[in-house]
């Protein structure tokens, strides 16, 4: 199951949730204020290298971070 990051529209709390892939964003609840008004945000990710150690994935030609 992937980890999704959210930000609360009411209190601006940023939080992460471990959820199933087909889970809808409106099923998330802010842990700080219990609001359902949350928005899924883009997050960085990590993958394993050939040695099995985690490494950052460089952004090559992708204008979305890195």
N, C-alpha and C. Protein backbone atom coordinates (compact mmCIF):
# COMPACT_ATOMS: atom_id res chain seq x y z
N UNK A 1 0.85 -1.18 0.00
CA UNK A 1 0.00 0.00 0.00
C UNK A 1 0.89 1.25 0.00
N UNK A 2 0.56 2.21 -0.82
CA UNK A 2 1.36 3.44 -0.87
C UNK A 2 1.02 4.40 0.26
N UNK A 3 1.95 5.30 0.52
CA UNK A 3 1.76 6.36 1.50
C UNK A 3 1.41 7.63 0.73
N UNK A 4 0.28 8.24 1.07
CA UNK A 4 -0.17 9.47 0.43
C UNK A 4 -0.01 10.63 1.40
N UNK A 5 0.35 11.79 0.86
CA UNK A 5 0.48 12.99 1.68
C UNK A 5 -0.69 13.91 1.41
N UNK A 6 -1.17 14.54 2.49
CA UNK A 6 -2.33 15.43 2.42
C UNK A 6 -2.02 16.73 3.14
N UNK A 7 -2.79 17.76 2.83
CA UNK A 7 -2.79 19.00 3.60
C UNK A 7 -4.24 19.34 3.90
N UNK A 8 -4.50 19.77 5.13
CA UNK A 8 -5.85 20.11 5.56
C UNK A 8 -6.20 21.52 5.11
N UNK A 9 -7.35 21.70 4.51
CA UNK A 9 -7.81 23.02 4.05
C UNK A 9 -8.26 23.90 5.21
N UNK A 10 -8.53 23.31 6.38
CA UNK A 10 -9.01 24.09 7.52
C UNK A 10 -7.88 24.57 8.44
N UNK A 11 -6.92 23.69 8.76
CA UNK A 11 -5.87 24.07 9.71
C UNK A 11 -4.46 24.05 9.11
N UNK A 12 -4.34 23.71 7.82
CA UNK A 12 -3.06 23.64 7.09
C UNK A 12 -2.11 22.58 7.61
N UNK A 13 -2.59 21.62 8.35
CA UNK A 13 -1.77 20.50 8.83
C UNK A 13 -1.37 19.62 7.65
N UNK A 14 -0.09 19.25 7.57
CA UNK A 14 0.39 18.30 6.55
C UNK A 14 0.54 16.96 7.24
N UNK A 15 0.04 15.89 6.59
CA UNK A 15 0.12 14.57 7.19
C UNK A 15 0.16 13.50 6.11
N UNK A 16 0.59 12.31 6.49
CA UNK A 16 0.72 11.18 5.58
C UNK A 16 -0.18 10.05 6.04
N UNK A 17 -0.72 9.31 5.08
CA UNK A 17 -1.57 8.16 5.38
C UNK A 17 -1.18 6.98 4.51
N UNK A 18 -1.15 5.81 5.09
CA UNK A 18 -0.95 4.58 4.37
C UNK A 18 -2.32 4.11 3.90
N UNK A 19 -2.54 4.11 2.57
CA UNK A 19 -3.88 3.80 2.04
C UNK A 19 -3.78 2.89 0.83
N UNK A 20 -4.88 2.24 0.54
CA UNK A 20 -4.96 1.44 -0.68
C UNK A 20 -4.96 2.35 -1.90
N UNK A 21 -4.53 1.84 -3.02
CA UNK A 21 -4.41 2.63 -4.24
C UNK A 21 -5.74 3.21 -4.69
N UNK A 22 -6.82 2.47 -4.55
CA UNK A 22 -8.12 2.94 -5.03
C UNK A 22 -8.89 3.77 -4.01
N UNK A 23 -8.22 4.18 -2.91
CA UNK A 23 -8.87 5.00 -1.89
C UNK A 23 -9.08 6.42 -2.43
N UNK A 24 -10.25 6.97 -2.19
CA UNK A 24 -10.55 8.34 -2.63
C UNK A 24 -10.05 9.33 -1.60
N UNK A 25 -9.67 10.53 -2.05
CA UNK A 25 -9.17 11.57 -1.16
C UNK A 25 -10.15 11.98 -0.10
N UNK A 26 -11.46 11.88 -0.40
CA UNK A 26 -12.46 12.32 0.58
C UNK A 26 -12.62 11.32 1.73
N UNK A 27 -11.87 10.23 1.71
CA UNK A 27 -11.92 9.27 2.81
C UNK A 27 -10.87 9.59 3.87
N UNK A 28 -10.01 10.59 3.63
CA UNK A 28 -8.97 10.98 4.58
C UNK A 28 -9.53 12.00 5.56
N UNK A 29 -9.03 11.94 6.80
CA UNK A 29 -9.44 12.87 7.85
C UNK A 29 -8.19 13.47 8.48
N UNK A 30 -8.20 14.76 8.71
CA UNK A 30 -7.07 15.45 9.34
C UNK A 30 -6.90 14.94 10.77
N UNK A 31 -5.69 14.51 11.14
CA UNK A 31 -5.48 14.03 12.51
C UNK A 31 -5.47 15.14 13.56
N UNK A 32 -5.28 16.39 13.13
CA UNK A 32 -5.22 17.51 14.08
C UNK A 32 -6.60 18.07 14.41
N UNK A 33 -7.42 18.34 13.37
CA UNK A 33 -8.71 18.98 13.62
C UNK A 33 -9.91 18.12 13.22
N UNK A 34 -9.67 16.92 12.70
CA UNK A 34 -10.71 15.96 12.29
C UNK A 34 -11.53 16.42 11.09
N UNK A 35 -11.03 17.38 10.34
CA UNK A 35 -11.73 17.86 9.15
C UNK A 35 -11.61 16.85 8.01
N UNK A 36 -12.65 16.77 7.21
CA UNK A 36 -12.64 15.94 5.99
C UNK A 36 -12.23 16.78 4.78
N UNK A 37 -12.00 18.08 4.99
CA UNK A 37 -11.61 18.98 3.89
C UNK A 37 -10.09 18.94 3.72
N UNK A 38 -9.62 17.85 3.12
CA UNK A 38 -8.19 17.66 2.90
C UNK A 38 -7.91 17.54 1.41
N UNK A 39 -6.67 17.85 1.04
CA UNK A 39 -6.27 17.79 -0.36
C UNK A 39 -5.00 16.95 -0.47
N UNK A 40 -5.00 16.00 -1.42
CA UNK A 40 -3.83 15.17 -1.66
C UNK A 40 -2.77 16.03 -2.34
N UNK A 41 -1.52 15.92 -1.89
CA UNK A 41 -0.43 16.71 -2.46
C UNK A 41 0.62 15.78 -3.06
N UNK A 42 1.39 16.31 -4.00
CA UNK A 42 2.48 15.55 -4.61
C UNK A 42 3.59 15.38 -3.58
N UNK A 43 4.24 14.23 -3.58
CA UNK A 43 5.32 13.99 -2.64
C UNK A 43 6.51 13.38 -3.38
N UNK A 44 7.67 13.45 -2.76
CA UNK A 44 8.85 12.82 -3.34
C UNK A 44 8.77 11.32 -3.09
N UNK A 45 9.62 10.56 -3.76
CA UNK A 45 9.60 9.12 -3.55
C UNK A 45 11.02 8.58 -3.59
N UNK A 46 11.16 7.35 -3.19
CA UNK A 46 12.46 6.71 -3.09
C UNK A 46 12.35 5.34 -3.75
N UNK A 47 13.46 4.85 -4.27
CA UNK A 47 13.47 3.50 -4.83
C UNK A 47 14.77 2.82 -4.41
N UNK A 48 14.88 1.53 -4.67
CA UNK A 48 16.09 0.79 -4.33
C UNK A 48 17.07 0.82 -5.49
N UNK A 49 18.34 0.93 -5.15
CA UNK A 49 19.39 0.89 -6.17
C UNK A 49 19.77 -0.57 -6.42
N UNK A 50 20.69 -0.81 -7.31
CA UNK A 50 21.09 -2.19 -7.62
C UNK A 50 21.75 -2.86 -6.42
N UNK A 51 22.28 -2.08 -5.48
CA UNK A 51 22.88 -2.63 -4.27
C UNK A 51 21.85 -2.88 -3.18
N UNK A 52 20.60 -2.50 -3.42
CA UNK A 52 19.55 -2.71 -2.46
C UNK A 52 19.40 -1.59 -1.44
N UNK A 53 20.19 -0.52 -1.58
CA UNK A 53 20.11 0.61 -0.67
C UNK A 53 19.18 1.66 -1.23
N UNK A 54 18.40 2.31 -0.39
CA UNK A 54 17.51 3.38 -0.89
C UNK A 54 18.32 4.52 -1.49
N UNK A 55 17.78 5.08 -2.56
CA UNK A 55 18.44 6.23 -3.17
C UNK A 55 17.37 7.14 -3.75
N UNK A 56 17.69 8.42 -3.83
CA UNK A 56 16.77 9.38 -4.43
C UNK A 56 16.74 9.17 -5.93
N UNK A 57 15.61 9.44 -6.53
CA UNK A 57 15.48 9.33 -7.97
C UNK A 57 15.65 10.73 -8.55
N UNK A 58 16.70 10.94 -9.36
CA UNK A 58 16.87 12.28 -9.95
C UNK A 58 15.80 12.57 -10.96
N UNK A 59 15.45 13.85 -11.06
CA UNK A 59 14.44 14.22 -12.05
C UNK A 59 15.15 14.55 -13.35
N UNK A 60 14.97 13.73 -14.34
CA UNK A 60 15.58 13.93 -15.64
C UNK A 60 14.51 14.29 -16.64
N UNK A 61 14.46 15.56 -16.98
CA UNK A 61 13.48 15.99 -17.96
C UNK A 61 12.07 16.14 -17.41
N UNK A 62 11.91 15.96 -16.12
CA UNK A 62 10.60 16.10 -15.51
C UNK A 62 10.62 17.38 -14.69
N UNK A 63 9.71 18.27 -14.96
CA UNK A 63 9.71 19.58 -14.31
C UNK A 63 8.98 19.60 -12.99
N UNK A 64 8.87 18.48 -12.28
CA UNK A 64 8.07 18.44 -11.08
C UNK A 64 8.81 18.24 -9.79
N UNK A 65 10.10 18.50 -9.74
CA UNK A 65 10.82 18.37 -8.47
C UNK A 65 12.01 17.48 -8.61
N UNK A 66 12.55 17.04 -7.49
CA UNK A 66 13.67 16.13 -7.57
C UNK A 66 14.74 16.36 -6.65
